[in-house]
C-alpha atoms as a PDB file:
ATOM      1  CA  MET A   1      79.982 299.078 213.060  1.00  0.00           C
ATOM      2  CA  THR A   2      77.213 296.908 213.853  1.00  0.00           C
ATOM      3  CA  ILE A   3      73.992 296.934 215.220  1.00  0.00           C
ATOM      4  CA  HIS A   4      71.337 293.371 215.408  1.00  0.00           C
ATOM      5  CA  ASP A   5      67.728 294.236 217.099  1.00  0.00           C
ATOM      6  CA  LYS A   6      64.765 291.965 217.238  1.00  0.00           C
ATOM      7  CA  THR A   7      61.591 292.815 216.199  1.00  0.00           C
ATOM      8  CA  LYS A   8      58.179 291.386 214.589  1.00  0.00           C
ATOM      9  CA  MET A   9      57.268 291.760 211.036  1.00  0.00           C
ATOM     10  CA  GLY A  10      53.592 293.523 211.236  1.00  0.00           C
ATOM     11  CA  ASN A  11      50.499 291.132 209.621  1.00  0.00           C
ATOM     12  CA  ARG A  12      50.482 292.991 206.177  1.00  0.00           C
ATOM     13  CA  GLY A  13      54.865 292.083 205.836  1.00  0.00           C
ATOM     14  CA  GLU A  14      56.246 295.701 207.110  1.00  0.00           C
ATOM     15  CA  ILE A  15      59.278 295.902 209.415  1.00  0.00           C
ATOM     16  CA  VAL A  16      59.620 298.963 211.266  1.00  0.00           C
ATOM     17  CA  ALA A  17      63.362 299.560 212.083  1.00  0.00           C
ATOM     18  CA  LYS A  18      64.058 300.775 215.646  1.00  0.00           C
ATOM     19  CA  LYS A  19      66.017 304.665 215.556  1.00  0.00           C
ATOM     20  CA  SER A  20      69.579 303.340 216.980  1.00  0.00           C
ATOM     21  CA  LEU A  21      69.015 301.343 213.051  1.00  0.00           C
ATOM     22  CA  ARG A  22      68.598 303.622 211.048  1.00  0.00           C
ATOM     23  CA  GLU A  23      70.200 306.125 212.615  1.00  0.00           C
ATOM     24  CA  ILE A  24      73.622 303.650 212.109  1.00  0.00           C
ATOM     25  CA  SER A  25      72.597 303.037 208.820  1.00  0.00           C
ATOM     26  CA  GLY A  26      71.938 306.692 207.091  1.00  0.00           C
ATOM     27  CA  ILE A  27      68.695 305.429 206.696  1.00  0.00           C
ATOM     28  CA  LYS A  28      66.339 308.956 206.079  1.00  0.00           C
ATOM     29  CA  PRO A  29      61.763 309.226 205.142  1.00  0.00           C
ATOM     30  CA  GLY A  30      62.028 309.233 201.586  1.00  0.00           C
ATOM     31  CA  ASP A  31      65.087 307.086 201.007  1.00  0.00           C
ATOM     32  CA  ASN A  32      65.425 304.933 197.805  1.00  0.00           C
ATOM     33  CA  VAL A  33      66.980 301.794 198.848  1.00  0.00           C
ATOM     34  CA  LEU A  34      68.062 298.108 197.141  1.00  0.00           C
ATOM     35  CA  ILE A  35      66.165 295.280 199.699  1.00  0.00           C
ATOM     36  CA  GLU A  36      68.566 291.646 198.974  1.00  0.00           C
ATOM     37  CA  ALA A  37      66.427 288.520 200.035  1.00  0.00           C
ATOM     38  CA  VAL A  38      68.627 284.980 200.792  1.00  0.00           C
ATOM     39  CA  LEU A  39      67.316 281.943 202.025  1.00  0.00           C
ATOM     40  CA  GLY A  40      66.413 283.485 205.722  1.00  0.00           C
ATOM     41  CA  GLU A  41      67.965 286.681 205.067  1.00  0.00           C
ATOM     42  CA  ILE A  42      66.418 289.873 204.222  1.00  0.00           C
ATOM     43  CA  ILE A  43      69.028 293.322 203.975  1.00  0.00           C
ATOM     44  CA  ILE A  44      68.409 296.484 203.072  1.00  0.00           C
ATOM     45  CA  ARG A  45      70.429 298.812 201.188  1.00  0.00           C
ATOM     46  CA  LYS A  46      70.883 302.409 200.779  1.00  0.00           C
ATOM     47  CA  ILE A  47      70.615 303.237 197.587  1.00  0.00           C
ATOM     48  CA  TYR A  48      73.028 306.915 197.355  1.00  0.00           C
ATOM     49  CA  THR A  49      71.736 309.937 195.217  1.00  0.00           C
ATOM     50  CA  VAL A  50      74.966 311.527 192.963  1.00  0.00           C
ATOM     51  CA  ASN A  51      74.805 314.648 195.803  1.00  0.00           C
ATOM     52  CA  GLU A  52      75.570 312.736 198.999  1.00  0.00           C
ATOM     53  CA  LEU A  53      78.082 310.209 197.280  1.00  0.00           C
ATOM     54  CA  LEU A  54      79.492 313.731 195.871  1.00  0.00           C
ATOM     55  CA  GLU A  55      79.845 314.379 199.720  1.00  0.00           C
ATOM     56  CA  MET A  56      81.336 311.751 200.814  1.00  0.00           C
ATOM     57  CA  PRO A  57      84.689 311.930 201.688  1.00  0.00           C
ATOM     58  CA  ILE A  58      87.501 310.708 199.746  1.00  0.00           C
ATOM     59  CA  ILE A  59      89.530 307.749 202.364  1.00  0.00           C
ATOM     60  CA  ALA A  60      91.736 306.470 199.994  1.00  0.00           C
ATOM     61  CA  GLU A  61      93.784 308.326 196.883  1.00  0.00           C
ATOM     62  CA  GLY A  62      95.514 306.746 193.691  1.00  0.00           C
ATOM     63  CA  THR A  63      94.722 303.976 191.527  1.00  0.00           C
ATOM     64  CA  ALA A  64      93.985 299.769 191.901  1.00  0.00           C
ATOM     65  CA  GLU A  65      96.756 298.779 191.239  1.00  0.00           C
ATOM     66  CA  SER A  66      98.593 301.195 193.650  1.00  0.00           C
ATOM     67  CA  MET A  67      96.211 300.592 196.245  1.00  0.00           C
ATOM     68  CA  GLU A  68      96.420 297.181 195.878  1.00  0.00           C
ATOM     69  CA  LYS A  69     100.418 297.019 195.907  1.00  0.00           C
ATOM     70  CA  ASP A  70      99.457 298.972 199.865  1.00  0.00           C
ATOM     71  CA  ILE A  71      97.267 296.252 200.910  1.00  0.00           C
ATOM     72  CA  ASN A  72     100.211 293.550 199.996  1.00  0.00           C
ATOM     73  CA  ASN A  73     102.707 295.280 201.643  1.00  0.00           C
ATOM     74  CA  GLU A  74     100.075 295.883 205.046  1.00  0.00           C
ATOM     75  CA  GLN A  75      99.839 291.895 204.594  1.00  0.00           C
ATOM     76  CA  LYS A  76     103.558 291.267 204.565  1.00  0.00           C
ATOM     77  CA  LYS A  77     104.224 293.917 207.932  1.00  0.00           C
ATOM     78  CA  GLN A  78     100.967 291.697 209.221  1.00  0.00           C
ATOM     79  CA  GLU A  79     102.702 288.471 209.008  1.00  0.00           C
ATOM     80  CA  GLU A  80     106.289 289.359 209.337  1.00  0.00           C
ATOM     81  CA  MET A  81     104.675 290.875 213.061  1.00  0.00           C
ATOM     82  CA  SER A  82     102.808 287.970 214.124  1.00  0.00           C
ATOM     83  CA  LEU A  83     105.792 285.390 213.575  1.00  0.00           C
ATOM     84  CA  SER A  84     107.987 287.321 215.533  1.00  0.00           C
ATOM     85  CA  GLU A  85     104.864 287.626 218.289  1.00  0.00           C
END
């Protein structure tokens, strides 16, 4: 899910993200963030603590090779389905 919102940079360069952006990103006051700047963009990413990472649900199991094989099989299925339409 992606939310876009318009805001204005303050006189001292501060940017305040609206509540909906803070909620979807999971960034709370006191969290550490990584700020990346490229031409015309600033990207802010939350830096998770070890405890936060350990509490996250497991979304995949297996080796990198087995996951890559599963992804390739799924791609083949999708291609076959698109050709049959």
